[in-house]
C-alpha atoms as a PDB file:
ATOM      1  CA  MET A   1      -3.554  23.380   0.878  1.00  0.00           C
ATOM      2  CA  THR A   2      -1.427  21.994   3.560  1.00  0.00           C
ATOM      3  CA  ARG A   3       1.569  23.478   4.841  1.00  0.00           C
ATOM      4  CA  THR A   4       4.031  21.337   3.173  1.00  0.00           C
ATOM      5  CA  SER A   5       2.179  21.992  -0.053  1.00  0.00           C
ATOM      6  CA  LEU A   6       2.559  25.803   0.680  1.00  0.00           C
ATOM      7  CA  LEU A   7       6.301  25.307   1.513  1.00  0.00           C
ATOM      8  CA  PHE A   8       7.057  23.337  -1.985  1.00  0.00           C
ATOM      9  CA  ALA A   9       5.034  26.371  -3.776  1.00  0.00           C
ATOM     10  CA  ALA A  10       7.248  28.864  -1.955  1.00  0.00           C
ATOM     11  CA  LEU A  11      10.242  26.811  -2.626  1.00  0.00           C
ATOM     12  CA  ALA A  12       9.405  26.617  -6.393  1.00  0.00           C
ATOM     13  CA  ALA A  13       8.085  30.646  -6.368  1.00  0.00           C
ATOM     14  CA  ALA A  14      11.427  31.542  -4.807  1.00  0.00           C
ATOM     15  CA  ILE A  15      13.593  29.422  -7.165  1.00  0.00           C
ATOM     16  CA  ALA A  16      11.657  30.789 -10.391  1.00  0.00           C
ATOM     17  CA  THR A  17      12.217  34.526  -8.950  1.00  0.00           C
ATOM     18  CA  ALA A  18      15.896  34.455  -7.640  1.00  0.00           C
ATOM     19  CA  SER A  19      16.685  36.099 -10.968  1.00  0.00           C
ATOM     20  CA  PRO A  20      15.597  36.200 -14.430  1.00  0.00           C
ATOM     21  CA  SER A  21      18.252  34.004 -15.626  1.00  0.00           C
ATOM     22  CA  LEU A  22      17.015  31.212 -13.503  1.00  0.00           C
ATOM     23  CA  ALA A  23      13.454  31.579 -13.950  1.00  0.00           C
ATOM     24  CA  SER A  24      13.673  29.065 -17.318  1.00  0.00           C
ATOM     25  CA  GLU A  25      16.070  26.799 -15.678  1.00  0.00           C
ATOM     26  CA  ALA A  26      14.369  26.217 -12.349  1.00  0.00           C
ATOM     27  CA  ALA A  27      12.442  23.055 -11.347  1.00  0.00           C
ATOM     28  CA  LYS A  28       8.764  22.845 -10.808  1.00  0.00           C
ATOM     29  CA  VAL A  29       8.204  21.284  -7.616  1.00  0.00           C
ATOM     30  CA  THR A  30       4.737  19.686  -6.557  1.00  0.00           C
ATOM     31  CA  LEU A  31       3.969  17.724  -3.476  1.00  0.00           C
ATOM     32  CA  VAL A  32       1.311  15.178  -5.253  1.00  0.00           C
ATOM     33  CA  TYR A  33       0.788  13.147  -1.879  1.00  0.00           C
ATOM     34  CA  GLU A  34       1.373  12.780   1.693  1.00  0.00           C
ATOM     35  CA  HIS A  35       0.279  10.057   4.043  1.00  0.00           C
ATOM     36  CA  GLU A  36       1.375   9.146   7.507  1.00  0.00           C
ATOM     37  CA  LEU A  37       2.447   5.468   7.714  1.00  0.00           C
ATOM     38  CA  PRO A  38      -0.015   3.633  10.024  1.00  0.00           C
ATOM     39  CA  ASN A  39       2.421   1.158  10.772  1.00  0.00           C
ATOM     40  CA  VAL A  40       5.453   2.939  11.470  1.00  0.00           C
ATOM     41  CA  PRO A  41       4.757   5.486  14.282  1.00  0.00           C
ATOM     42  CA  GLY A  42       6.114   9.167  13.487  1.00  0.00           C
ATOM     43  CA  LYS A  43       6.967   8.380   9.722  1.00  0.00           C
ATOM     44  CA  SER A  44       5.232   9.562   6.543  1.00  0.00           C
ATOM     45  CA  ILE A  45       5.582   8.999   2.964  1.00  0.00           C
ATOM     46  CA  ARG A  46       5.454  12.029   0.631  1.00  0.00           C
ATOM     47  CA  GLY A  47       5.546  12.073  -3.191  1.00  0.00           C
ATOM     48  CA  VAL A  48       7.187  14.988  -5.033  1.00  0.00           C
ATOM     49  CA  LEU A  49       6.853  15.490  -8.692  1.00  0.00           C
ATOM     50  CA  VAL A  50       9.670  17.355 -10.188  1.00  0.00           C
ATOM     51  CA  GLU A  51       9.420  18.640 -13.705  1.00  0.00           C
ATOM     52  CA  TYR A  52      12.507  20.303 -15.469  1.00  0.00           C
ATOM     53  CA  GLY A  53      12.317  22.319 -18.647  1.00  0.00           C
ATOM     54  CA  PRO A  54      14.530  21.781 -21.308  1.00  0.00           C
ATOM     55  CA  GLY A  55      18.204  22.488 -19.685  1.00  0.00           C
ATOM     56  CA  GLY A  56      16.426  22.752 -16.215  1.00  0.00           C
ATOM     57  CA  PHE A  57      18.018  21.979 -13.051  1.00  0.00           C
ATOM     58  CA  SER A  58      17.870  22.106  -9.360  1.00  0.00           C
ATOM     59  CA  GLU A  59      20.995  23.441  -7.103  1.00  0.00           C
ATOM     60  CA  GLY A  60      22.818  21.229  -5.203  1.00  0.00           C
ATOM     61  CA  HIS A  61      21.012  20.279  -1.939  1.00  0.00           C
ATOM     62  CA  THR A  62      20.549  17.862   0.810  1.00  0.00           C
ATOM     63  CA  HIS A  63      17.713  16.356   2.493  1.00  0.00           C
ATOM     64  CA  PRO A  64      16.339  15.818   6.109  1.00  0.00           C
ATOM     65  CA  THR A  65      18.569  13.111   7.858  1.00  0.00           C
ATOM     66  CA  SER A  66      15.484  11.174   8.137  1.00  0.00           C
ATOM     67  CA  ALA A  67      14.722  11.074   4.714  1.00  0.00           C
ATOM     68  CA  PHE A  68      15.068   7.695   2.559  1.00  0.00           C
ATOM     69  CA  ILE A  69      14.226   8.600  -1.133  1.00  0.00           C
ATOM     70  CA  TYR A  70      13.349   6.720  -4.034  1.00  0.00           C
ATOM     71  CA  ALA A  71      13.296   8.666  -7.192  1.00  0.00           C
ATOM     72  CA  THR A  72      11.627   7.232 -10.548  1.00  0.00           C
ATOM     73  CA  VAL A  73      12.172   9.095 -14.083  1.00  0.00           C
ATOM     74  CA  LEU A  74       8.798   9.509 -15.444  1.00  0.00           C
ATOM     75  CA  GLU A  75       9.770  11.300 -18.790  1.00  0.00           C
ATOM     76  CA  GLY A  76      13.248  12.345 -20.435  1.00  0.00           C
ATOM     77  CA  ALA A  77      16.330  11.712 -19.046  1.00  0.00           C
ATOM     78  CA  ILE A  78      17.580  13.168 -15.516  1.00  0.00           C
ATOM     79  CA  ARG A  79      21.359  13.675 -14.894  1.00  0.00           C
ATOM     80  CA  SER A  80      22.222  12.978 -11.202  1.00  0.00           C
ATOM     81  CA  GLN A  81      25.096  12.656  -8.933  1.00  0.00           C
ATOM     82  CA  VAL A  82      24.809  11.319  -5.215  1.00  0.00           C
ATOM     83  CA  ASN A  83      27.570  12.289  -2.817  1.00  0.00           C
ATOM     84  CA  ASP A  84      30.784  11.729  -4.483  1.00  0.00           C
ATOM     85  CA  GLY A  85      29.658   9.093  -6.974  1.00  0.00           C
ATOM     86  CA  PRO A  86      29.820   9.565 -10.538  1.00  0.00           C
ATOM     87  CA  VAL A  87      27.236  11.646 -12.489  1.00  0.00           C
ATOM     88  CA  LYS A  88      24.933   9.282 -14.097  1.00  0.00           C
ATOM     89  CA  VAL A  89      22.026   9.677 -16.750  1.00  0.00           C
ATOM     90  CA  TYR A  90      18.573   7.960 -15.861  1.00  0.00           C
ATOM     91  CA  LYS A  91      16.181   7.495 -18.382  1.00  0.00           C
ATOM     92  CA  ALA A  92      12.316   7.089 -18.080  1.00  0.00           C
ATOM     93  CA  GLY A  93      11.457   4.116 -16.185  1.00  0.00           C
ATOM     94  CA  GLU A  94      14.709   4.008 -14.327  1.00  0.00           C
ATOM     95  CA  ASN A  95      15.229   4.820 -10.593  1.00  0.00           C
ATOM     96  CA  PHE A  96      17.727   5.692  -8.043  1.00  0.00           C
ATOM     97  CA  SER A  97      17.711   6.255  -4.562  1.00  0.00           C
ATOM     98  CA  GLU A  98      19.191   8.617  -1.713  1.00  0.00           C
ATOM     99  CA  LEU A  99      20.083   7.543   1.928  1.00  0.00           C
ATOM    100  CA  PRO A 100      19.671   9.549   4.818  1.00  0.00           C
ATOM    101  CA  GLY A 101      22.554  12.172   4.967  1.00  0.00           C
ATOM    102  CA  ASP A 102      23.143  12.020   1.409  1.00  0.00           C
ATOM    103  CA  ARG A 103      24.126  15.299  -0.718  1.00  0.00           C
ATOM    104  CA  HIS A 104      22.395  15.501  -4.259  1.00  0.00           C
ATOM    105  CA  GLY A 105      25.385  17.670  -6.029  1.00  0.00           C
ATOM    106  CA  VAL A 106      23.591  17.335  -9.673  1.00  0.00           C
ATOM    107  CA  SER A 107      20.095  17.043 -10.348  1.00  0.00           C
ATOM    108  CA  ALA A 108      19.309  18.209 -13.807  1.00  0.00           C
ATOM    109  CA  ASN A 109      17.561  17.546 -17.182  1.00  0.00           C
ATOM    110  CA  ASP A 110      19.882  15.808 -19.500  1.00  0.00           C
ATOM    111  CA  SER A 111      18.398  17.690 -22.440  1.00  0.00           C
ATOM    112  CA  THR A 112      18.082  21.217 -23.733  1.00  0.00           C
ATOM    113  CA  THR A 113      15.359  20.586 -26.335  1.00  0.00           C
ATOM    114  CA  ASP A 114      12.786  18.106 -24.147  1.00  0.00           C
ATOM    115  CA  PRO A 115      11.325  18.351 -20.736  1.00  0.00           C
ATOM    116  CA  ALA A 116      12.147  15.700 -17.919  1.00  0.00           C
ATOM    117  CA  LYS A 117      10.219  14.667 -14.816  1.00  0.00           C
ATOM    118  CA  LEU A 118      10.545  12.686 -12.082  1.00  0.00           C
ATOM    119  CA  LEU A 119       8.814  11.291  -9.046  1.00  0.00           C
ATOM    120  CA  ALA A 120      10.684  11.364  -5.634  1.00  0.00           C
ATOM    121  CA  VAL A 121       8.896   9.288  -3.002  1.00  0.00           C
ATOM    122  CA  PHE A 122      10.233  10.242   0.644  1.00  0.00           C
ATOM    123  CA  VAL A 123       9.838   8.044   3.687  1.00  0.00           C
ATOM    124  CA  VAL A 124      10.612  10.771   6.237  1.00  0.00           C
ATOM    125  CA  ASP A 125       9.609  11.796  10.054  1.00  0.00           C
ATOM    126  CA  SER A 126       6.110  13.164  10.078  1.00  0.00           C
ATOM    127  CA  ALA A 127       7.484  16.282  12.036  1.00  0.00           C
ATOM    128  CA  GLU A 128       9.719  17.184   9.248  1.00  0.00           C
ATOM    129  CA  LYS A 129       8.429  20.279   7.465  1.00  0.00           C
ATOM    130  CA  GLU A 130      11.310  21.016   4.665  1.00  0.00           C
ATOM    131  CA  LEU A 131      12.297  18.256   2.414  1.00  0.00           C
ATOM    132  CA  VAL A 132      14.919  20.237   0.629  1.00  0.00           C
ATOM    133  CA  TYR A 133      18.105  22.134   2.079  1.00  0.00           C
ATOM    134  CA  PRO A 134      20.635  24.123  -0.179  1.00  0.00           C
ATOM    135  CA  MET A 135      24.325  22.955   0.008  1.00  0.00           C
ATOM    136  CA  LYS A 136      26.471  25.087   1.929  1.00  0.00           C
END
């Protein structure tokens, strides 16, 4: 397991064990691939699978200032808000992006009965170890 994989596992475990009431609402986060970009020195691409159970969500967060993110909903519907924009619901097959420095204030399963999944693809500085920072 790579260092980044361990960090994602630790983040997911920390969210899930933060309090008993949050355990059922937390997102499961899995690094599914990581590759340095051979034609863009110093940059990598990382794919992160985010799985929400019914009613699940992620706390408001930001990403590294070097990160461009392209997210595609794979299953269910995801409620999302980037910066001060409107809260939008994206269904399976739809996507959204986040630019470097954006704030992701809302990221949640839009359903209280069905699961939801998204794949977030990061283009980020290769030296970057953390991909998610809690909003202050």
